[in-house]
């Protein structure tokens, strides 16, 4: 009889853990269903020394994200921004 109770509780426990992991993933505490966002090269400075083009690409992508956030927020572009060019 105990094995029957255990057999019934095991799927319920697994489902509860699954829902808890989905909740934590939705809040950004863990990566359960989603994949982490790529933040650049994991080698960092070492790859920047041997391949400087990678550093340029990472800086350019960061600048594009910043310009996109500025466009969405409605802030006026500052001096020297690309938006001021004709």
C-alpha atoms as a PDB file:
ATOM      1  CA  UNK A   1       0.000   0.000   0.000  1.00  0.00           C
ATOM      2  CA  UNK A   2       2.905   2.354   0.699  1.00  0.00           C
ATOM      3  CA  UNK A   3       4.263   1.932  -2.800  1.00  0.00           C
ATOM      4  CA  UNK A   4       0.892   3.015  -4.200  1.00  0.00           C
ATOM      5  CA  UNK A   5       0.964   6.220  -2.157  1.00  0.00           C
ATOM      6  CA  UNK A   6       4.560   6.846  -3.181  1.00  0.00           C
ATOM      7  CA  UNK A   7       3.676   6.208  -6.830  1.00  0.00           C
ATOM      8  CA  UNK A   8       0.901   8.795  -6.589  1.00  0.00           C
ATOM      9  CA  UNK A   9       2.986  11.404  -4.752  1.00  0.00           C
ATOM     10  CA  UNK A  10       6.034  11.174  -7.008  1.00  0.00           C
ATOM     11  CA  UNK A  11       4.376  12.703 -10.115  1.00  0.00           C
ATOM     12  CA  UNK A  12       2.738  15.376  -7.942  1.00  0.00           C
ATOM     13  CA  UNK A  13       6.118  16.259  -6.444  1.00  0.00           C
ATOM     14  CA  UNK A  14       7.757  16.349  -9.889  1.00  0.00           C
ATOM     15  CA  UNK A  15       4.993  18.608 -11.220  1.00  0.00           C
ATOM     16  CA  UNK A  16       5.349  20.916  -8.226  1.00  0.00           C
ATOM     17  CA  UNK A  17       9.099  21.205  -8.789  1.00  0.00           C
ATOM     18  CA  UNK A  18       8.456  21.863 -12.475  1.00  0.00           C
ATOM     19  CA  UNK A  19       6.038  24.703 -11.678  1.00  0.00           C
ATOM     20  CA  UNK A  20       8.474  26.139  -9.124  1.00  0.00           C
ATOM     21  CA  UNK A  21      11.267  26.102 -11.711  1.00  0.00           C
ATOM     22  CA  UNK A  22       9.020  27.810 -14.286  1.00  0.00           C
ATOM     23  CA  UNK A  23       8.154  30.513 -11.759  1.00  0.00           C
ATOM     24  CA  UNK A  24      11.824  31.051 -10.880  1.00  0.00           C
ATOM     25  CA  UNK A  25      12.701  31.163 -14.598  1.00  0.00           C
ATOM     26  CA  UNK A  26      10.018  33.769 -15.217  1.00  0.00           C
ATOM     27  CA  UNK A  27      11.481  35.937 -12.475  1.00  0.00           C
ATOM     28  CA  UNK A  28      15.038  35.505 -13.783  1.00  0.00           C
ATOM     29  CA  UNK A  29      16.376  33.585 -10.777  1.00  0.00           C
ATOM     30  CA  UNK A  30      17.367  30.486 -12.796  1.00  0.00           C
ATOM     31  CA  UNK A  31      17.520  29.396 -16.433  1.00  0.00           C
ATOM     32  CA  UNK A  32      15.085  26.507 -16.789  1.00  0.00           C
ATOM     33  CA  UNK A  33      13.318  26.906 -20.132  1.00  0.00           C
ATOM     34  CA  UNK A  34      14.990  30.049 -21.419  1.00  0.00           C
ATOM     35  CA  UNK A  35      18.586  30.366 -22.524  1.00  0.00           C
ATOM     36  CA  UNK A  36      20.934  32.980 -21.091  1.00  0.00           C
ATOM     37  CA  UNK A  37      21.485  36.037 -23.236  1.00  0.00           C
ATOM     38  CA  UNK A  38      24.895  36.231 -24.888  1.00  0.00           C
ATOM     39  CA  UNK A  39      26.899  39.031 -23.261  1.00  0.00           C
ATOM     40  CA  UNK A  40      30.038  38.802 -25.378  1.00  0.00           C
ATOM     41  CA  UNK A  41      33.060  36.620 -25.488  1.00  0.00           C
ATOM     42  CA  UNK A  42      33.867  34.525 -22.456  1.00  0.00           C
ATOM     43  CA  UNK A  43      37.579  34.966 -23.047  1.00  0.00           C
ATOM     44  CA  UNK A  44      37.396  38.737 -22.609  1.00  0.00           C
ATOM     45  CA  UNK A  45      40.788  40.426 -22.501  1.00  0.00           C
ATOM     46  CA  UNK A  46      42.736  37.471 -23.884  1.00  0.00           C
ATOM     47  CA  UNK A  47      40.639  37.359 -27.046  1.00  0.00           C
ATOM     48  CA  UNK A  48      40.786  41.165 -27.297  1.00  0.00           C
ATOM     49  CA  UNK A  49      44.570  40.971 -27.499  1.00  0.00           C
ATOM     50  CA  UNK A  50      44.684  38.304 -30.194  1.00  0.00           C
ATOM     51  CA  UNK A  51      41.590  39.401 -32.119  1.00  0.00           C
ATOM     52  CA  UNK A  52      40.856  43.140 -31.696  1.00  0.00           C
ATOM     53  CA  UNK A  53      37.954  42.986 -34.164  1.00  0.00           C
ATOM     54  CA  UNK A  54      35.922  41.074 -31.581  1.00  0.00           C
ATOM     55  CA  UNK A  55      36.318  43.912 -29.091  1.00  0.00           C
ATOM     56  CA  UNK A  56      35.101  46.384 -31.703  1.00  0.00           C
ATOM     57  CA  UNK A  57      32.028  44.269 -32.465  1.00  0.00           C
ATOM     58  CA  UNK A  58      31.130  43.964 -28.770  1.00  0.00           C
ATOM     59  CA  UNK A  59      31.474  47.731 -28.292  1.00  0.00           C
ATOM     60  CA  UNK A  60      29.383  48.452 -31.387  1.00  0.00           C
ATOM     61  CA  UNK A  61      26.593  46.115 -30.263  1.00  0.00           C
ATOM     62  CA  UNK A  62      26.542  47.758 -26.844  1.00  0.00           C
ATOM     63  CA  UNK A  63      26.292  51.161 -28.527  1.00  0.00           C
ATOM     64  CA  UNK A  64      23.427  49.975 -30.722  1.00  0.00           C
ATOM     65  CA  UNK A  65      21.549  48.738 -27.664  1.00  0.00           C
ATOM     66  CA  UNK A  66      22.095  52.056 -25.906  1.00  0.00           C
ATOM     67  CA  UNK A  67      20.896  54.022 -28.939  1.00  0.00           C
ATOM     68  CA  UNK A  68      17.856  51.761 -29.223  1.00  0.00           C
ATOM     69  CA  UNK A  69      16.993  52.323 -25.566  1.00  0.00           C
ATOM     70  CA  UNK A  70      17.373  56.063 -26.065  1.00  0.00           C
ATOM     71  CA  UNK A  71      15.083  56.008 -29.112  1.00  0.00           C
ATOM     72  CA  UNK A  72      12.432  54.066 -27.195  1.00  0.00           C
ATOM     73  CA  UNK A  73      12.598  56.327 -24.153  1.00  0.00           C
ATOM     74  CA  UNK A  74      12.084  59.511 -26.147  1.00  0.00           C
ATOM     75  CA  UNK A  75      15.228  61.211 -24.856  1.00  0.00           C
ATOM     76  CA  UNK A  76      16.727  63.839 -27.099  1.00  0.00           C
ATOM     77  CA  UNK A  77      19.998  62.767 -28.725  1.00  0.00           C
ATOM     78  CA  UNK A  78      23.085  64.387 -27.347  1.00  0.00           C
ATOM     79  CA  UNK A  79      25.865  66.077 -29.292  1.00  0.00           C
ATOM     80  CA  UNK A  80      27.880  63.683 -31.389  1.00  0.00           C
ATOM     81  CA  UNK A  81      25.133  61.052 -31.654  1.00  0.00           C
ATOM     82  CA  UNK A  82      24.422  59.564 -35.079  1.00  0.00           C
ATOM     83  CA  UNK A  83      20.835  60.830 -34.945  1.00  0.00           C
ATOM     84  CA  UNK A  84      22.016  64.450 -35.295  1.00  0.00           C
ATOM     85  CA  UNK A  85      23.728  63.776 -38.631  1.00  0.00           C
ATOM     86  CA  UNK A  86      21.710  64.807 -41.726  1.00  0.00           C
END
